[in-house]
Amino acid sequence: MLGDQSLALDALRARGPTQNVFPIWRAALSDVRRQPGFEQLVKDLGLVDYWHTSGEWGEFCRETPGGTLSCK
């Protein structure tokens, strides 16, 4: 899946919300985190809601002034 960011993103989506999501933060997936669909993935996993509620944004994703996410 390395080198095919779309396939890697699809594989991450297939894990589902009940699986450990730690792998999405690995360095090898930094290009995947920049894919347009990654924002929807973290929303679907409930991470954006968690970040808003807790006020604790991780080091990989931040909300932009426009209300979208910027992930690295």
PDB file of N, CA and C in Angstrom:
ATOM      1  N   MET A   1       0.810  -1.180   0.000  1.00  0.00           N
ATOM      2  CA  MET A   1       0.000   0.000   0.000  1.00  0.00           C
ATOM      3  C   MET A   1       0.863   1.258   0.000  1.00  0.00           C
ATOM      4  N   LEU A   2       2.106   1.119   0.385  1.00  0.00           N
ATOM      5  CA  LEU A   2       2.973   2.291   0.340  1.00  0.00           C
ATOM      6  C   LEU A   2       3.121   2.733  -1.102  1.00  0.00           C
ATOM      7  N   GLY A   3       2.949   4.005  -1.319  1.00  0.00           N
ATOM      8  CA  GLY A   3       3.011   4.537  -2.665  1.00  0.00           C
ATOM      9  C   GLY A   3       1.638   4.678  -3.303  1.00  0.00           C
ATOM     10  N   ASP A   4       0.643   4.014  -2.771  1.00  0.00           N
ATOM     11  CA  ASP A   4      -0.727   4.125  -3.270  1.00  0.00           C
ATOM     12  C   ASP A   4      -1.590   4.663  -2.138  1.00  0.00           C
ATOM     13  N   GLN A   5      -1.622   5.990  -2.015  1.00  0.00           N
ATOM     14  CA  GLN A   5      -2.303   6.625  -0.894  1.00  0.00           C
ATOM     15  C   GLN A   5      -3.803   6.352  -0.877  1.00  0.00           C
ATOM     16  N   SER A   6      -4.428   6.277  -2.038  1.00  0.00           N
ATOM     17  CA  SER A   6      -5.867   5.994  -2.096  1.00  0.00           C
ATOM     18  C   SER A   6      -6.170   4.601  -1.557  1.00  0.00           C
ATOM     19  N   LEU A   7      -5.373   3.632  -1.942  1.00  0.00           N
ATOM     20  CA  LEU A   7      -5.556   2.271  -1.447  1.00  0.00           C
ATOM     21  C   LEU A   7      -5.303   2.208   0.055  1.00  0.00           C
ATOM     22  N   ALA A   8      -4.280   2.894   0.516  1.00  0.00           N
ATOM     23  CA  ALA A   8      -3.979   2.910   1.949  1.00  0.00           C
ATOM     24  C   ALA A   8      -5.124   3.545   2.736  1.00  0.00           C
ATOM     25  N   LEU A   9      -5.704   4.617   2.221  1.00  0.00           N
ATOM     26  CA  LEU A   9      -6.832   5.267   2.888  1.00  0.00           C
ATOM     27  C   LEU A   9      -8.036   4.328   2.928  1.00  0.00           C
ATOM     28  N   ASP A  10      -8.294   3.625   1.833  1.00  0.00           N
ATOM     29  CA  ASP A  10      -9.382   2.644   1.817  1.00  0.00           C
ATOM     30  C   ASP A  10      -9.151   1.545   2.849  1.00  0.00           C
ATOM     31  N   ALA A  11      -7.918   1.105   2.986  1.00  0.00           N
ATOM     32  CA  ALA A  11      -7.595   0.070   3.969  1.00  0.00           C
ATOM     33  C   ALA A  11      -7.818   0.583   5.388  1.00  0.00           C
ATOM     34  N   LEU A  12      -7.488   1.832   5.641  1.00  0.00           N
ATOM     35  CA  LEU A  12      -7.731   2.410   6.967  1.00  0.00           C
ATOM     36  C   LEU A  12      -9.221   2.519   7.253  1.00  0.00           C
ATOM     37  N   ARG A  13     -10.004   2.886   6.244  1.00  0.00           N
ATOM     38  CA  ARG A  13     -11.462   2.950   6.410  1.00  0.00           C
ATOM     39  C   ARG A  13     -12.031   1.567   6.727  1.00  0.00           C
ATOM     40  N   ALA A  14     -11.475   0.542   6.120  1.00  0.00           N
ATOM     41  CA  ALA A  14     -11.975  -0.823   6.302  1.00  0.00           C
ATOM     42  C   ALA A  14     -11.750  -1.327   7.722  1.00  0.00           C
ATOM     43  N   ARG A  15     -10.825  -0.735   8.440  1.00  0.00           N
ATOM     44  CA  ARG A  15     -10.561  -1.158   9.818  1.00  0.00           C
ATOM     45  C   ARG A  15     -11.775  -0.921  10.701  1.00  0.00           C
ATOM     46  N   GLY A  16     -12.537   0.110  10.416  1.00  0.00           N
ATOM     47  CA  GLY A  16     -13.736   0.398  11.190  1.00  0.00           C
ATOM     48  C   GLY A  16     -13.430   1.090  12.506  1.00  0.00           C
ATOM     49  N   PRO A  17     -14.468   1.642  13.106  1.00  0.00           N
ATOM     50  CA  PRO A  17     -14.292   2.443  14.322  1.00  0.00           C
ATOM     51  C   PRO A  17     -13.968   1.632  15.579  1.00  0.00           C
ATOM     52  N   THR A  18     -14.124   0.320  15.524  1.00  0.00           N
ATOM     53  CA  THR A  18     -13.859  -0.480  16.724  1.00  0.00           C
ATOM     54  C   THR A  18     -12.425  -0.982  16.791  1.00  0.00           C
ATOM     55  N   GLN A  19     -11.657  -0.716  15.770  1.00  0.00           N
ATOM     56  CA  GLN A  19     -10.270  -1.170  15.726  1.00  0.00           C
ATOM     57  C   GLN A  19      -9.343  -0.105  16.292  1.00  0.00           C
ATOM     58  N   ASN A  20      -8.159  -0.505  16.669  1.00  0.00           N
ATOM     59  CA  ASN A  20      -7.129   0.435  17.130  1.00  0.00           C
ATOM     60  C   ASN A  20      -6.793   1.383  15.980  1.00  0.00           C
ATOM     61  N   VAL A  21      -6.878   2.678  16.232  1.00  0.00           N
ATOM     62  CA  VAL A  21      -6.615   3.655  15.173  1.00  0.00           C
ATOM     63  C   VAL A  21      -5.200   4.204  15.223  1.00  0.00           C
ATOM     64  N   PHE A  22      -4.382   3.724  16.136  1.00  0.00           N
ATOM     65  CA  PHE A  22      -3.015   4.209  16.247  1.00  0.00           C
ATOM     66  C   PHE A  22      -2.249   4.184  14.925  1.00  0.00           C
ATOM     67  N   PRO A  23      -2.401   3.155  14.089  1.00  0.00           N
ATOM     68  CA  PRO A  23      -1.611   3.117  12.836  1.00  0.00           C
ATOM     69  C   PRO A  23      -1.804   4.319  11.913  1.00  0.00           C
ATOM     70  N   ILE A  24      -2.906   5.045  12.013  1.00  0.00           N
ATOM     71  CA  ILE A  24      -3.098   6.174  11.099  1.00  0.00           C
ATOM     72  C   ILE A  24      -2.119   7.303  11.372  1.00  0.00           C
ATOM     73  N   TRP A  25      -1.438   7.270  12.524  1.00  0.00           N
ATOM     74  CA  TRP A  25      -0.489   8.328  12.866  1.00  0.00           C
ATOM     75  C   TRP A  25       0.954   7.951  12.558  1.00  0.00           C
ATOM     76  N   ARG A  26       1.203   6.770  12.026  1.00  0.00           N
ATOM     77  CA  ARG A  26       2.578   6.369  11.698  1.00  0.00           C
ATOM     78  C   ARG A  26       3.157   7.266  10.611  1.00  0.00           C
ATOM     79  N   ALA A  27       4.457   7.481  10.714  1.00  0.00           N
ATOM     80  CA  ALA A  27       5.151   8.363   9.763  1.00  0.00           C
ATOM     81  C   ALA A  27       4.969   7.920   8.312  1.00  0.00           C
ATOM     82  N   ALA A  28       4.929   6.626   8.076  1.00  0.00           N
ATOM     83  CA  ALA A  28       4.795   6.115   6.705  1.00  0.00           C
ATOM     84  C   ALA A  28       3.469   6.525   6.068  1.00  0.00           C
ATOM     85  N   LEU A  29       2.500   6.937   6.870  1.00  0.00           N
ATOM     86  CA  LEU A  29       1.196   7.314   6.336  1.00  0.00           C
ATOM     87  C   LEU A  29       0.991   8.827   6.270  1.00  0.00           C
ATOM     88  N   SER A  30       2.064   9.586   6.376  1.00  0.00           N
ATOM     89  CA  SER A  30       1.916  11.049   6.336  1.00  0.00           C
ATOM     90  C   SER A  30       1.298  11.522   5.021  1.00  0.00           C
ATOM     91  N   ASP A  31       1.636  10.886   3.914  1.00  0.00           N
ATOM     92  CA  ASP A  31       1.021  11.265   2.632  1.00  0.00           C
ATOM     93  C   ASP A  31      -0.459  10.908   2.605  1.00  0.00           C
ATOM     94  N   VAL A  32      -0.828   9.824   3.263  1.00  0.00           N
ATOM     95  CA  VAL A  32      -2.237   9.416   3.330  1.00  0.00           C
ATOM     96  C   VAL A  32      -3.031  10.448   4.126  1.00  0.00           C
ATOM     97  N   ARG A  33      -2.443  10.977   5.184  1.00  0.00           N
ATOM     98  CA  ARG A  33      -3.134  11.979   6.002  1.00  0.00           C
ATOM     99  C   ARG A  33      -3.413  13.259   5.232  1.00  0.00           C
ATOM    100  N   ARG A  34      -2.724  13.479   4.137  1.00  0.00           N
ATOM    101  CA  ARG A  34      -2.948  14.672   3.306  1.00  0.00           C
ATOM    102  C   ARG A  34      -4.010  14.430   2.227  1.00  0.00           C
ATOM    103  N   GLN A  35      -4.489  13.207   2.112  1.00  0.00           N
ATOM    104  CA  GLN A  35      -5.517  12.884   1.119  1.00  0.00           C
ATOM    105  C   GLN A  35      -6.842  13.545   1.506  1.00  0.00           C
ATOM    106  N   PRO A  36      -7.617  13.979   0.510  1.00  0.00           N
ATOM    107  CA  PRO A  36      -8.896  14.631   0.800  1.00  0.00           C
ATOM    108  C   PRO A  36      -9.834  13.789   1.673  1.00  0.00           C
ATOM    109  N   GLY A  37      -9.826  12.491   1.527  1.00  0.00           N
ATOM    110  CA  GLY A  37     -10.728  11.637   2.293  1.00  0.00           C
ATOM    111  C   GLY A  37     -10.309  11.395   3.733  1.00  0.00           C
ATOM    112  N   PHE A  38      -9.099  11.800   4.105  1.00  0.00           N
ATOM    113  CA  PHE A  38      -8.631  11.548   5.472  1.00  0.00           C
ATOM    114  C   PHE A  38      -9.444  12.347   6.491  1.00  0.00           C
ATOM    115  N   GLU A  39      -9.819  13.572   6.130  1.00  0.00           N
ATOM    116  CA  GLU A  39     -10.639  14.387   7.033  1.00  0.00           C
ATOM    117  C   GLU A  39     -11.942  13.662   7.363  1.00  0.00           C
ATOM    118  N   GLN A  40     -12.566  13.073   6.368  1.00  0.00           N
ATOM    119  CA  GLN A  40     -13.816  12.349   6.610  1.00  0.00           C
ATOM    120  C   GLN A  40     -13.569  11.110   7.472  1.00  0.00           C
ATOM    121  N   LEU A  41     -12.441  10.451   7.280  1.00  0.00           N
ATOM    122  CA  LEU A  41     -12.115   9.277   8.084  1.00  0.00           C
ATOM    123  C   LEU A  41     -12.035   9.634   9.559  1.00  0.00           C
ATOM    124  N   VAL A  42     -11.311  10.702   9.910  1.00  0.00           N
ATOM    125  CA  VAL A  42     -11.189  11.054  11.328  1.00  0.00           C
ATOM    126  C   VAL A  42     -12.517  11.558  11.884  1.00  0.00           C
ATOM    127  N   LYS A  43     -13.361  12.141  11.040  1.00  0.00           N
ATOM    128  CA  LYS A  43     -14.713  12.514  11.485  1.00  0.00           C
ATOM    129  C   LYS A  43     -15.535  11.259  11.766  1.00  0.00           C
ATOM    130  N   ASP A  44     -15.482  10.291  10.837  1.00  0.00           N
ATOM    131  CA  ASP A  44     -16.237   9.052  11.000  1.00  0.00           C
ATOM    132  C   ASP A  44     -15.796   8.269  12.235  1.00  0.00           C
ATOM    133  N   LEU A  45     -14.526   8.353  12.565  1.00  0.00           N
ATOM    134  CA  LEU A  45     -14.005   7.665  13.747  1.00  0.00           C
ATOM    135  C   LEU A  45     -14.355   8.390  15.045  1.00  0.00           C
ATOM    136  N   GLY A  46     -14.905   9.589  14.933  1.00  0.00           N
ATOM    137  CA  GLY A  46     -15.282  10.356  16.107  1.00  0.00           C
ATOM    138  C   GLY A  46     -14.145  11.163  16.706  1.00  0.00           C
ATOM    139  N   LEU A  47     -13.001  11.183  16.022  1.00  0.00           N
ATOM    140  CA  LEU A  47     -11.852  11.901  16.560  1.00  0.00           C
ATOM    141  C   LEU A  47     -12.055  13.405  16.568  1.00  0.00           C
ATOM    142  N   VAL A  48     -12.678  13.959  15.537  1.00  0.00           N
ATOM    143  CA  VAL A  48     -12.889  15.406  15.490  1.00  0.00           C
ATOM    144  C   VAL A  48     -13.820  15.834  16.625  1.00  0.00           C
ATOM    145  N   ASP A  49     -14.878  15.065  16.864  1.00  0.00           N
ATOM    146  CA  ASP A  49     -15.772  15.370  17.985  1.00  0.00           C
ATOM    147  C   ASP A  49     -15.009  15.319  19.305  1.00  0.00           C
ATOM    148  N   TYR A  50     -14.171  14.302  19.448  1.00  0.00           N
ATOM    149  CA  TYR A  50     -13.365  14.179  20.664  1.00  0.00           C
ATOM    150  C   TYR A  50     -12.436  15.379  20.836  1.00  0.00           C
ATOM    151  N   TRP A  51     -11.770  15.782  19.754  1.00  0.00           N
ATOM    152  CA  TRP A  51     -10.850  16.912  19.821  1.00  0.00           C
ATOM    153  C   TRP A  51     -11.582  18.203  20.181  1.00  0.00           C
ATOM    154  N   HIS A  52     -12.781  18.386  19.607  1.00  0.00           N
ATOM    155  CA  HIS A  52     -13.557  19.578  19.940  1.00  0.00           C
ATOM    156  C   HIS A  52     -13.972  19.565  21.412  1.00  0.00           C
ATOM    157  N   THR A  53     -14.450  18.430  21.883  1.00  0.00           N
ATOM    158  CA  THR A  53     -14.927  18.316  23.258  1.00  0.00           C
ATOM    159  C   THR A  53     -13.797  18.475  24.264  1.00  0.00           C
ATOM    160  N   SER A  54     -12.686  17.790  23.999  1.00  0.00           N
ATOM    161  CA  SER A  54     -11.572  17.797  24.955  1.00  0.00           C
ATOM    162  C   SER A  54     -10.691  19.032  24.834  1.00  0.00           C
ATOM    163  N   GLY A  55     -10.689  19.639  23.652  1.00  0.00           N
ATOM    164  CA  GLY A  55      -9.776  20.751  23.404  1.00  0.00           C
ATOM    165  C   GLY A  55      -8.341  20.289  23.208  1.00  0.00           C
ATOM    166  N   GLU A  56      -8.142  18.990  23.136  1.00  0.00           N
ATOM    167  CA  GLU A  56      -6.801  18.397  23.002  1.00  0.00           C
ATOM    168  C   GLU A  56      -6.597  17.909  21.571  1.00  0.00           C
ATOM    169  N   TRP A  57      -6.095  18.764  20.732  1.00  0.00           N
ATOM    170  CA  TRP A  57      -5.790  18.373  19.360  1.00  0.00           C
ATOM    171  C   TRP A  57      -4.417  17.720  19.358  1.00  0.00           C
ATOM    172  N   GLY A  58      -4.280  16.643  18.623  1.00  0.00           N
ATOM    173  CA  GLY A  58      -2.996  15.960  18.531  1.00  0.00           C
ATOM    174  C   GLY A  58      -2.012  16.746  17.689  1.00  0.00           C
ATOM    175  N   GLU A  59      -0.838  16.201  17.539  1.00  0.00           N
ATOM    176  CA  GLU A  59       0.175  16.919  16.768  1.00  0.00           C
ATOM    177  C   GLU A  59       0.010  16.752  15.265  1.00  0.00           C
ATOM    178  N   PHE A  60      -0.869  15.846  14.820  1.00  0.00           N
ATOM    179  CA  PHE A  60      -0.975  15.562  13.390  1.00  0.00           C
ATOM    180  C   PHE A  60      -2.121  16.266  12.691  1.00  0.00           C
ATOM    181  N   CYS A  61      -3.153  16.677  13.396  1.00  0.00           N
ATOM    182  CA  CYS A  61      -4.294  17.348  12.775  1.00  0.00           C
ATOM    183  C   CYS A  61      -4.666  18.587  13.574  1.00  0.00           C
ATOM    184  N   ARG A  62      -4.999  19.626  12.854  1.00  0.00           N
ATOM    185  CA  ARG A  62      -5.434  20.886  13.451  1.00  0.00           C
ATOM    186  C   ARG A  62      -6.624  21.400  12.643  1.00  0.00           C
ATOM    187  N   GLU A  63      -7.493  22.113  13.314  1.00  0.00           N
ATOM    188  CA  GLU A  63      -8.594  22.750  12.612  1.00  0.00           C
ATOM    189  C   GLU A  63      -8.106  24.090  12.061  1.00  0.00           C
ATOM    190  N   THR A  64      -8.468  24.377  10.831  1.00  0.00           N
ATOM    191  CA  THR A  64      -8.074  25.639  10.212  1.00  0.00           C
ATOM    192  C   THR A  64      -9.112  26.710  10.556  1.00  0.00           C
ATOM    193  N   PRO A  65      -8.767  27.976  10.373  1.00  0.00           N
ATOM    194  CA  PRO A  65      -9.756  29.045  10.624  1.00  0.00           C
ATOM    195  C   PRO A  65     -11.023  28.878   9.794  1.00  0.00           C
ATOM    196  N   GLY A  66     -10.926  28.229   8.650  1.00  0.00           N
ATOM    197  CA  GLY A  66     -12.085  27.996   7.790  1.00  0.00           C
ATOM    198  C   GLY A  66     -12.950  26.826   8.229  1.00  0.00           C
ATOM    199  N   GLY A  67     -12.536  26.113   9.284  1.00  0.00           N
ATOM    200  CA  GLY A  67     -13.323  25.003   9.800  1.00  0.00           C
ATOM    201  C   GLY A  67     -12.996  23.647   9.212  1.00  0.00           C
ATOM    202  N   THR A  68     -12.003  23.589   8.326  1.00  0.00           N
ATOM    203  CA  THR A  68     -11.584  22.302   7.779  1.00  0.00           C
ATOM    204  C   THR A  68     -10.405  21.789   8.610  1.00  0.00           C
ATOM    205  N   LEU A  69      -9.925  20.615   8.274  1.00  0.00           N
ATOM    206  CA  LEU A  69      -8.782  20.051   8.972  1.00  0.00           C
ATOM    207  C   LEU A  69      -7.543  20.147   8.118  1.00  0.00           C
ATOM    208  N   SER A  70      -6.435  20.316   8.787  1.00  0.00           N
ATOM    209  CA  SER A  70      -5.134  20.244   8.145  1.00  0.00           C
ATOM    210  C   SER A  70      -4.366  19.141   8.876  1.00  0.00           C
ATOM    211  N   CYS A  71      -4.074  18.070   8.163  1.00  0.00           N
ATOM    212  CA  CYS A  71      -3.376  16.944   8.767  1.00  0.00           C
ATOM    213  C   CYS A  71      -2.038  16.741   8.074  1.00  0.00           C
ATOM    214  N   LYS A  72      -1.038  16.360   8.871  1.00  0.00           N
ATOM    215  CA  LYS A  72       0.295  16.136   8.313  1.00  0.00           C
ATOM    216  C   LYS A  72       0.814  14.794   8.729  1.00  0.00           C
TER     217      LYS A  72
END
